[in-house]
Structure formats: structure tokens, C-alpha cells
Amino acid sequence: MEVKQKNDSKKGMFYIEQDEKIVAEMTYVWAGTEKIIINHTEVNEILKGQGAGKQMLSKAVEFVRENGLKIIPLCPFVKSVFDKKPEYDDVL
């Protein structure tokens, strides 16, 4: 499962495609130049239980670490994962 990213100066998303259709997405908006707010995660039924959400979040964490950014987790899914994974505390 390949996680891709779209990004511009205002918003972006991490997503997974199958047959040229987006079947999972994690959207974010920029909060200034040093933070992103992850505000929504959605996974199609065909990927349920396969860890698609966690894979997208892992890609998001990789992105912010590489760019010296922080994440504000407004999405309930992302917040719940951050609450359980202290190894992500550096990006909060």
C-alpha cells in the first residue's frame, strides 16, 4: 500500500489510491509555516482493518520530521493514535 502526498501552501493530504481512485485520505491545513493541522481521516471499507490510517499517519510524521514541522491533531483518529504512541511526542 503506497501512501502518496499532495501539498500546497494552504493545505494538503496523504492518500492511498487503488485503480486510480482515492480509497483513503488524511487531510491537513497549514497553520503558519511551521505546523500542520490534521483535520480529517477517511478510509474506504475495502481497506478497513489493513492499517491504512496508521500508514498515512506514519507518512505524515515522516514528512513533518524531515521538514522540522509540528502536527496539531484535530482529527479524532490521529489524536487517539498520538495518545497511545509516545514515540510521536516530538512532532506535537
PDB file of N, CA and C in Angstrom:
ATOM      1  N   MET A   1       0.849  -1.173   0.000  1.00  0.00           N
ATOM      2  CA  MET A   1       0.000   0.000   0.000  1.00  0.00           C
ATOM      3  C   MET A   1       0.896   1.236   0.000  1.00  0.00           C
ATOM      4  N   GLU A   2       0.841   1.998  -1.067  1.00  0.00           N
ATOM      5  CA  GLU A   2       1.677   3.192  -1.183  1.00  0.00           C
ATOM      6  C   GLU A   2       0.909   4.428  -0.745  1.00  0.00           C
ATOM      7  N   VAL A   3       1.500   5.176   0.171  1.00  0.00           N
ATOM      8  CA  VAL A   3       0.910   6.433   0.627  1.00  0.00           C
ATOM      9  C   VAL A   3       1.544   7.563  -0.175  1.00  0.00           C
ATOM     10  N   LYS A   4       0.695   8.358  -0.808  1.00  0.00           N
ATOM     11  CA  LYS A   4       1.144   9.499  -1.606  1.00  0.00           C
ATOM     12  C   LYS A   4       0.776  10.787  -0.883  1.00  0.00           C
ATOM     13  N   GLN A   5       1.333  11.895  -1.363  1.00  0.00           N
ATOM     14  CA  GLN A   5       1.057  13.187  -0.734  1.00  0.00           C
ATOM     15  C   GLN A   5       0.815  14.256  -1.788  1.00  0.00           C
ATOM     16  N   LYS A   6      -0.169  15.110  -1.500  1.00  0.00           N
ATOM     17  CA  LYS A   6      -0.394  16.346  -2.253  1.00  0.00           C
ATOM     18  C   LYS A   6      -0.213  17.469  -1.249  1.00  0.00           C
ATOM     19  N   ASN A   7       0.425  18.553  -1.667  1.00  0.00           N
ATOM     20  CA  ASN A   7       0.693  19.635  -0.736  1.00  0.00           C
ATOM     21  C   ASN A   7       0.796  20.956  -1.497  1.00  0.00           C
ATOM     22  N   ASP A   8       0.197  22.003  -0.951  1.00  0.00           N
ATOM     23  CA  ASP A   8       0.433  23.347  -1.468  1.00  0.00           C
ATOM     24  C   ASP A   8       0.622  24.273  -0.265  1.00  0.00           C
ATOM     25  N   SER A   9       0.613  25.550  -0.462  1.00  0.00           N
ATOM     26  CA  SER A   9       0.920  26.476   0.629  1.00  0.00           C
ATOM     27  C   SER A   9      -0.193  26.612   1.662  1.00  0.00           C
ATOM     28  N   LYS A  10      -1.381  26.066   1.381  1.00  0.00           N
ATOM     29  CA  LYS A  10      -2.512  26.211   2.304  1.00  0.00           C
ATOM     30  C   LYS A  10      -3.006  24.894   2.879  1.00  0.00           C
ATOM     31  N   LYS A  11      -2.939  23.828   2.092  1.00  0.00           N
ATOM     32  CA  LYS A  11      -3.488  22.553   2.555  1.00  0.00           C
ATOM     33  C   LYS A  11      -2.800  21.393   1.843  1.00  0.00           C
ATOM     34  N   GLY A  12      -3.156  20.201   2.270  1.00  0.00           N
ATOM     35  CA  GLY A  12      -2.587  19.025   1.639  1.00  0.00           C
ATOM     36  C   GLY A  12      -3.281  17.774   2.120  1.00  0.00           C
ATOM     37  N   MET A  13      -2.774  16.636   1.648  1.00  0.00           N
ATOM     38  CA  MET A  13      -3.349  15.363   2.063  1.00  0.00           C
ATOM     39  C   MET A  13      -2.359  14.239   1.822  1.00  0.00           C
ATOM     40  N   PHE A  14      -2.476  13.216   2.635  1.00  0.00           N
ATOM     41  CA  PHE A  14      -1.804  11.949   2.417  1.00  0.00           C
ATOM     42  C   PHE A  14      -2.911  11.012   1.971  1.00  0.00           C
ATOM     43  N   TYR A  15      -2.640  10.194   0.971  1.00  0.00           N
ATOM     44  CA  TYR A  15      -3.724   9.377   0.434  1.00  0.00           C
ATOM     45  C   TYR A  15      -3.216   8.069  -0.161  1.00  0.00           C
ATOM     46  N   ILE A  16      -4.152   7.145  -0.352  1.00  0.00           N
ATOM     47  CA  ILE A  16      -3.877   5.853  -0.963  1.00  0.00           C
ATOM     48  C   ILE A  16      -4.842   5.688  -2.119  1.00  0.00           C
ATOM     49  N   GLU A  17      -4.310   5.274  -3.254  1.00  0.00           N
ATOM     50  CA  GLU A  17      -5.131   5.058  -4.449  1.00  0.00           C
ATOM     51  C   GLU A  17      -5.197   3.574  -4.793  1.00  0.00           C
ATOM     52  N   GLN A  18      -6.326   3.192  -5.355  1.00  0.00           N
ATOM     53  CA  GLN A  18      -6.495   1.876  -5.968  1.00  0.00           C
ATOM     54  C   GLN A  18      -7.284   2.087  -7.236  1.00  0.00           C
ATOM     55  N   ASP A  19      -6.809   1.527  -8.327  1.00  0.00           N
ATOM     56  CA  ASP A  19      -7.477   1.684  -9.617  1.00  0.00           C
ATOM     57  C   ASP A  19      -7.752   3.154  -9.937  1.00  0.00           C
ATOM     58  N   GLU A  20      -6.761   4.000  -9.663  1.00  0.00           N
ATOM     59  CA  GLU A  20      -6.822   5.438  -9.938  1.00  0.00           C
ATOM     60  C   GLU A  20      -7.919   6.185  -9.170  1.00  0.00           C
ATOM     61  N   LYS A  21      -8.387   5.598  -8.062  1.00  0.00           N
ATOM     62  CA  LYS A  21      -9.370   6.257  -7.196  1.00  0.00           C
ATOM     63  C   LYS A  21      -8.792   6.346  -5.793  1.00  0.00           C
ATOM     64  N   ILE A  22      -9.052   7.473  -5.139  1.00  0.00           N
ATOM     65  CA  ILE A  22      -8.597   7.640  -3.759  1.00  0.00           C
ATOM     66  C   ILE A  22      -9.494   6.799  -2.849  1.00  0.00           C
ATOM     67  N   VAL A  23      -8.866   5.870  -2.116  1.00  0.00           N
ATOM     68  CA  VAL A  23      -9.629   4.982  -1.235  1.00  0.00           C
ATOM     69  C   VAL A  23      -9.342   5.247   0.242  1.00  0.00           C
ATOM     70  N   ALA A  24      -8.377   6.123   0.514  1.00  0.00           N
ATOM     71  CA  ALA A  24      -8.091   6.544   1.892  1.00  0.00           C
ATOM     72  C   ALA A  24      -7.424   7.906   1.827  1.00  0.00           C
ATOM     73  N   GLU A  25      -7.770   8.777   2.783  1.00  0.00           N
ATOM     74  CA  GLU A  25      -7.156  10.103   2.796  1.00  0.00           C
ATOM     75  C   GLU A  25      -7.063  10.653   4.208  1.00  0.00           C
ATOM     76  N   MET A  26      -6.014  11.432   4.415  1.00  0.00           N
ATOM     77  CA  MET A  26      -5.796  12.152   5.666  1.00  0.00           C
ATOM     78  C   MET A  26      -5.483  13.581   5.253  1.00  0.00           C
ATOM     79  N   THR A  27      -6.391  14.507   5.560  1.00  0.00           N
ATOM     80  CA  THR A  27      -6.237  15.881   5.092  1.00  0.00           C
ATOM     81  C   THR A  27      -5.657  16.773   6.187  1.00  0.00           C
ATOM     82  N   TYR A  28      -4.978  17.810   5.733  1.00  0.00           N
ATOM     83  CA  TYR A  28      -4.418  18.786   6.671  1.00  0.00           C
ATOM     84  C   TYR A  28      -4.447  20.185   6.067  1.00  0.00           C
ATOM     85  N   VAL A  29      -4.361  21.171   6.961  1.00  0.00           N
ATOM     86  CA  VAL A  29      -4.214  22.565   6.554  1.00  0.00           C
ATOM     87  C   VAL A  29      -2.970  23.115   7.255  1.00  0.00           C
ATOM     88  N   TRP A  30      -2.337  24.066   6.615  1.00  0.00           N
ATOM     89  CA  TRP A  30      -1.161  24.692   7.201  1.00  0.00           C
ATOM     90  C   TRP A  30      -1.586  25.697   8.263  1.00  0.00           C
ATOM     91  N   ALA A  31      -0.889  25.703   9.379  1.00  0.00           N
ATOM     92  CA  ALA A  31      -1.073  26.692  10.447  1.00  0.00           C
ATOM     93  C   ALA A  31       0.230  27.476  10.521  1.00  0.00           C
ATOM     94  N   GLY A  32       0.322  28.499   9.725  1.00  0.00           N
ATOM     95  CA  GLY A  32       1.582  29.221   9.616  1.00  0.00           C
ATOM     96  C   GLY A  32       2.544  28.433   8.737  1.00  0.00           C
ATOM     97  N   THR A  33       3.834  28.585   9.008  1.00  0.00           N
ATOM     98  CA  THR A  33       4.836  27.894   8.191  1.00  0.00           C
ATOM     99  C   THR A  33       5.495  26.733   8.910  1.00  0.00           C
ATOM    100  N   GLU A  34       5.141  26.533  10.187  1.00  0.00           N
ATOM    101  CA  GLU A  34       5.833  25.511  10.971  1.00  0.00           C
ATOM    102  C   GLU A  34       4.929  24.416  11.511  1.00  0.00           C
ATOM    103  N   LYS A  35       3.623  24.478  11.232  1.00  0.00           N
ATOM    104  CA  LYS A  35       2.700  23.473  11.765  1.00  0.00           C
ATOM    105  C   LYS A  35       1.669  23.094  10.713  1.00  0.00           C
ATOM    106  N   ILE A  36       1.226  21.834  10.797  1.00  0.00           N
ATOM    107  CA  ILE A  36       0.067  21.416  10.016  1.00  0.00           C
ATOM    108  C   ILE A  36      -0.999  20.921  10.984  1.00  0.00           C
ATOM    109  N   ILE A  37      -2.237  21.168  10.631  1.00  0.00           N
ATOM    110  CA  ILE A  37      -3.370  20.690  11.419  1.00  0.00           C
ATOM    111  C   ILE A  37      -3.992  19.535  10.649  1.00  0.00           C
ATOM    112  N   ILE A  38      -3.871  18.320  11.184  1.00  0.00           N
ATOM    113  CA  ILE A  38      -4.530  17.179  10.549  1.00  0.00           C
ATOM    114  C   ILE A  38      -5.972  17.201  11.028  1.00  0.00           C
ATOM    115  N   ASN A  39      -6.895  17.392  10.076  1.00  0.00           N
ATOM    116  CA  ASN A  39      -8.289  17.624  10.459  1.00  0.00           C
ATOM    117  C   ASN A  39      -9.256  16.518  10.056  1.00  0.00           C
ATOM    118  N   HIS A  40      -8.819  15.554   9.259  1.00  0.00           N
ATOM    119  CA  HIS A  40      -9.771  14.530   8.812  1.00  0.00           C
ATOM    120  C   HIS A  40      -9.027  13.302   8.303  1.00  0.00           C
ATOM    121  N   THR A  41      -9.553  12.133   8.656  1.00  0.00           N
ATOM    122  CA  THR A  41      -9.047  10.871   8.115  1.00  0.00           C
ATOM    123  C   THR A  41     -10.244  10.047   7.688  1.00  0.00           C
ATOM    124  N   GLU A  42     -10.161   9.496   6.494  1.00  0.00           N
ATOM    125  CA  GLU A  42     -11.248   8.660   5.989  1.00  0.00           C
ATOM    126  C   GLU A  42     -10.649   7.486   5.227  1.00  0.00           C
ATOM    127  N   VAL A  43     -11.157   6.288   5.528  1.00  0.00           N
ATOM    128  CA  VAL A  43     -10.679   5.075   4.873  1.00  0.00           C
ATOM    129  C   VAL A  43     -11.886   4.330   4.309  1.00  0.00           C
ATOM    130  N   ASN A  44     -11.825   3.994   3.047  1.00  0.00           N
ATOM    131  CA  ASN A  44     -12.884   3.249   2.378  1.00  0.00           C
ATOM    132  C   ASN A  44     -13.018   1.857   3.010  1.00  0.00           C
ATOM    133  N   GLU A  45     -14.216   1.314   2.975  1.00  0.00           N
ATOM    134  CA  GLU A  45     -14.492  -0.007   3.549  1.00  0.00           C
ATOM    135  C   GLU A  45     -13.543  -1.086   3.026  1.00  0.00           C
ATOM    136  N   ILE A  46     -13.118  -0.978   1.764  1.00  0.00           N
ATOM    137  CA  ILE A  46     -12.268  -2.036   1.200  1.00  0.00           C
ATOM    138  C   ILE A  46     -10.895  -2.113   1.867  1.00  0.00           C
ATOM    139  N   LEU A  47     -10.499  -1.062   2.584  1.00  0.00           N
ATOM    140  CA  LEU A  47      -9.217  -1.059   3.290  1.00  0.00           C
ATOM    141  C   LEU A  47      -9.350  -1.189   4.801  1.00  0.00           C
ATOM    142  N   LYS A  48     -10.560  -1.251   5.304  1.00  0.00           N
ATOM    143  CA  LYS A  48     -10.770  -1.326   6.756  1.00  0.00           C
ATOM    144  C   LYS A  48     -10.002  -2.505   7.341  1.00  0.00           C
ATOM    145  N   GLY A  49      -9.350  -2.247   8.468  1.00  0.00           N
ATOM    146  CA  GLY A  49      -8.620  -3.299   9.161  1.00  0.00           C
ATOM    147  C   GLY A  49      -7.236  -3.591   8.600  1.00  0.00           C
ATOM    148  N   GLN A  50      -6.799  -2.841   7.604  1.00  0.00           N
ATOM    149  CA  GLN A  50      -5.492  -3.080   6.991  1.00  0.00           C
ATOM    150  C   GLN A  50      -4.435  -2.067   7.434  1.00  0.00           C
ATOM    151  N   GLY A  51      -4.786  -1.209   8.370  1.00  0.00           N
ATOM    152  CA  GLY A  51      -3.816  -0.251   8.888  1.00  0.00           C
ATOM    153  C   GLY A  51      -3.562   0.941   7.985  1.00  0.00           C
ATOM    154  N   ALA A  52      -4.492   1.231   7.090  1.00  0.00           N
ATOM    155  CA  ALA A  52      -4.303   2.339   6.149  1.00  0.00           C
ATOM    156  C   ALA A  52      -4.159   3.675   6.880  1.00  0.00           C
ATOM    157  N   GLY A  53      -4.984   3.913   7.889  1.00  0.00           N
ATOM    158  CA  GLY A  53      -4.913   5.161   8.644  1.00  0.00           C
ATOM    159  C   GLY A  53      -3.566   5.330   9.326  1.00  0.00           C
ATOM    160  N   LYS A  54      -3.078   4.270   9.940  1.00  0.00           N
ATOM    161  CA  LYS A  54      -1.783   4.341  10.623  1.00  0.00           C
ATOM    162  C   LYS A  54      -0.644   4.525   9.631  1.00  0.00           C
ATOM    163  N   GLN A  55      -0.765   3.935   8.453  1.00  0.00           N
ATOM    164  CA  GLN A  55       0.275   4.121   7.434  1.00  0.00           C
ATOM    165  C   GLN A  55       0.314   5.569   6.950  1.00  0.00           C
ATOM    166  N   MET A  56      -0.858   6.169   6.768  1.00  0.00           N
ATOM    167  CA  MET A  56      -0.888   7.576   6.357  1.00  0.00           C
ATOM    168  C   MET A  56      -0.324   8.467   7.458  1.00  0.00           C
ATOM    169  N   LEU A  57      -0.650   8.165   8.704  1.00  0.00           N
ATOM    170  CA  LEU A  57      -0.129   8.960   9.816  1.00  0.00           C
ATOM    171  C   LEU A  57       1.387   8.812   9.917  1.00  0.00           C
ATOM    172  N   SER A  58       1.881   7.616   9.699  1.00  0.00           N
ATOM    173  CA  SER A  58       3.320   7.398   9.720  1.00  0.00           C
ATOM    174  C   SER A  58       4.010   8.249   8.651  1.00  0.00           C
ATOM    175  N   LYS A  59       3.407   8.331   7.484  1.00  0.00           N
ATOM    176  CA  LYS A  59       3.945   9.163   6.395  1.00  0.00           C
ATOM    177  C   LYS A  59       3.891  10.647   6.781  1.00  0.00           C
ATOM    178  N   ALA A  60       2.816  11.059   7.439  1.00  0.00           N
ATOM    179  CA  ALA A  60       2.696  12.450   7.891  1.00  0.00           C
ATOM    180  C   ALA A  60       3.789  12.781   8.910  1.00  0.00           C
ATOM    181  N   VAL A  61       4.023  11.871   9.847  1.00  0.00           N
ATOM    182  CA  VAL A  61       5.064  12.086  10.860  1.00  0.00           C
ATOM    183  C   VAL A  61       6.433  12.160  10.192  1.00  0.00           C
ATOM    184  N   GLU A  62       6.672  11.295   9.231  1.00  0.00           N
ATOM    185  CA  GLU A  62       7.941  11.333   8.480  1.00  0.00           C
ATOM    186  C   GLU A  62       8.111  12.684   7.784  1.00  0.00           C
ATOM    187  N   PHE A  63       7.045  13.166   7.159  1.00  0.00           N
ATOM    188  CA  PHE A  63       7.072  14.456   6.459  1.00  0.00           C
ATOM    189  C   PHE A  63       7.407  15.603   7.413  1.00  0.00           C
ATOM    190  N   VAL A  64       6.739  15.665   8.565  1.00  0.00           N
ATOM    191  CA  VAL A  64       6.990  16.790   9.479  1.00  0.00           C
ATOM    192  C   VAL A  64       8.376  16.704  10.107  1.00  0.00           C
ATOM    193  N   ARG A  65       8.834  15.494  10.394  1.00  0.00           N
ATOM    194  CA  ARG A  65      10.186  15.360  10.950  1.00  0.00           C
ATOM    195  C   ARG A  65      11.232  15.831   9.949  1.00  0.00           C
ATOM    196  N   GLU A  66      11.080  15.425   8.700  1.00  0.00           N
ATOM    197  CA  GLU A  66      12.047  15.815   7.662  1.00  0.00           C
ATOM    198  C   GLU A  66      12.065  17.325   7.437  1.00  0.00           C
ATOM    199  N   ASN A  67      10.944  17.997   7.703  1.00  0.00           N
ATOM    200  CA  ASN A  67      10.830  19.426   7.423  1.00  0.00           C
ATOM    201  C   ASN A  67      10.816  20.300   8.672  1.00  0.00           C
ATOM    202  N   GLY A  68      11.095  19.721   9.833  1.00  0.00           N
ATOM    203  CA  GLY A  68      11.151  20.487  11.071  1.00  0.00           C
ATOM    204  C   GLY A  68       9.831  21.119  11.462  1.00  0.00           C
ATOM    205  N   LEU A  69       8.738  20.386  11.223  1.00  0.00           N
ATOM    206  CA  LEU A  69       7.393  20.893  11.487  1.00  0.00           C
ATOM    207  C   LEU A  69       6.783  20.212  12.706  1.00  0.00           C
ATOM    208  N   LYS A  70       5.598  20.662  13.075  1.00  0.00           N
ATOM    209  CA  LYS A  70       4.815  20.060  14.156  1.00  0.00           C
ATOM    210  C   LYS A  70       3.412  19.761  13.638  1.00  0.00           C
ATOM    211  N   ILE A  71       2.720  18.861  14.335  1.00  0.00           N
ATOM    212  CA  ILE A  71       1.349  18.478  13.983  1.00  0.00           C
ATOM    213  C   ILE A  71       0.402  18.889  15.104  1.00  0.00           C
ATOM    214  N   ILE A  72      -0.715  19.480  14.714  1.00  0.00           N
ATOM    215  CA  ILE A  72      -1.827  19.721  15.637  1.00  0.00           C
ATOM    216  C   ILE A  72      -2.900  18.705  15.248  1.00  0.00           C
ATOM    217  N   PRO A  73      -3.176  17.724  16.117  1.00  0.00           N
ATOM    218  CA  PRO A  73      -4.101  16.640  15.758  1.00  0.00           C
ATOM    219  C   PRO A  73      -5.560  16.942  16.095  1.00  0.00           C
ATOM    220  N   LEU A  74      -6.284  17.596  15.192  1.00  0.00           N
ATOM    221  CA  LEU A  74      -7.708  17.848  15.422  1.00  0.00           C
ATOM    222  C   LEU A  74      -8.563  16.636  15.055  1.00  0.00           C
ATOM    223  N   CYS A  75      -8.080  15.814  14.151  1.00  0.00           N
ATOM    224  CA  CYS A  75      -8.802  14.603  13.749  1.00  0.00           C
ATOM    225  C   CYS A  75      -8.828  13.632  14.934  1.00  0.00           C
ATOM    226  N   PRO A  76     -10.011  13.127  15.307  1.00  0.00           N
ATOM    227  CA  PRO A  76     -10.110  12.202  16.449  1.00  0.00           C
ATOM    228  C   PRO A  76      -9.244  10.945  16.293  1.00  0.00           C
ATOM    229  N   PHE A  77      -9.153  10.412  15.092  1.00  0.00           N
ATOM    230  CA  PHE A  77      -8.318   9.223  14.870  1.00  0.00           C
ATOM    231  C   PHE A  77      -6.855   9.532  15.163  1.00  0.00           C
ATOM    232  N   VAL A  78      -6.354  10.618  14.604  1.00  0.00           N
ATOM    233  CA  VAL A  78      -4.957  10.996  14.799  1.00  0.00           C
ATOM    234  C   VAL A  78      -4.682  11.284  16.266  1.00  0.00           C
ATOM    235  N   LYS A  79      -5.587  12.002  16.914  1.00  0.00           N
ATOM    236  CA  LYS A  79      -5.424  12.297  18.343  1.00  0.00           C
ATOM    237  C   LYS A  79      -5.341  11.012  19.155  1.00  0.00           C
ATOM    238  N   SER A  80      -6.191  10.031  18.835  1.00  0.00           N
ATOM    239  CA  SER A  80      -6.191   8.773  19.598  1.00  0.00           C
ATOM    240  C   SER A  80      -4.883   8.002  19.393  1.00  0.00           C
ATOM    241  N   VAL A  81      -4.336   8.026  18.189  1.00  0.00           N
ATOM    242  CA  VAL A  81      -3.061   7.346  17.948  1.00  0.00           C
ATOM    243  C   VAL A  81      -1.940   8.066  18.698  1.00  0.00           C
ATOM    244  N   PHE A  82      -1.921   9.403  18.649  1.00  0.00           N
ATOM    245  CA  PHE A  82      -0.895  10.159  19.363  1.00  0.00           C
ATOM    246  C   PHE A  82      -0.957   9.896  20.869  1.00  0.00           C
ATOM    247  N   ASP A  83      -2.161   9.739  21.413  1.00  0.00           N
ATOM    248  CA  ASP A  83      -2.312   9.468  22.841  1.00  0.00           C
ATOM    249  C   ASP A  83      -1.702   8.121  23.234  1.00  0.00           C
ATOM    250  N   LYS A  84      -1.614   7.190  22.275  1.00  0.00           N
ATOM    251  CA  LYS A  84      -1.111   5.837  22.554  1.00  0.00           C
ATOM    252  C   LYS A  84       0.345   5.637  22.152  1.00  0.00           C
ATOM    253  N   LYS A  85       0.909   6.555  21.392  1.00  0.00           N
ATOM    254  CA  LYS A  85       2.266   6.365  20.860  1.00  0.00           C
ATOM    255  C   LYS A  85       3.206   7.497  21.320  1.00  0.00           C
ATOM    256  N   PRO A  86       3.879   7.294  22.429  1.00  0.00           N
ATOM    257  CA  PRO A  86       4.806   8.342  22.909  1.00  0.00           C
ATOM    258  C   PRO A  86       5.945   8.623  21.944  1.00  0.00           C
ATOM    259  N   GLU A  87       6.228   7.698  21.022  1.00  0.00           N
ATOM    260  CA  GLU A  87       7.306   7.944  20.056  1.00  0.00           C
ATOM    261  C   GLU A  87       6.967   9.052  19.067  1.00  0.00           C
ATOM    262  N   TYR A  88       5.719   9.507  19.073  1.00  0.00           N
ATOM    263  CA  TYR A  88       5.309  10.623  18.205  1.00  0.00           C
ATOM    264  C   TYR A  88       5.279  11.965  18.959  1.00  0.00           C
ATOM    265  N   ASP A  89       5.622  11.954  20.249  1.00  0.00           N
ATOM    266  CA  ASP A  89       5.544  13.179  21.047  1.00  0.00           C
ATOM    267  C   ASP A  89       6.399  14.316  20.496  1.00  0.00           C
ATOM    268  N   ASP A  90       7.479  13.994  19.797  1.00  0.00           N
ATOM    269  CA  ASP A  90       8.372  15.039  19.282  1.00  0.00           C
ATOM    270  C   ASP A  90       7.747  15.889  18.184  1.00  0.00           C
ATOM    271  N   VAL A  91       6.653  15.409  17.576  1.00  0.00           N
ATOM    272  CA  VAL A  91       6.037  16.174  16.493  1.00  0.00           C
ATOM    273  C   VAL A  91       4.793  16.941  16.951  1.00  0.00           C
ATOM    274  N   LEU A  92       4.462  16.831  18.218  1.00  0.00           N
ATOM    275  CA  LEU A  92       3.297  17.559  18.742  1.00  0.00           C
ATOM    276  C   LEU A  92       3.670  18.988  19.088  1.00  0.00           C
TER     277      LEU A  92
END
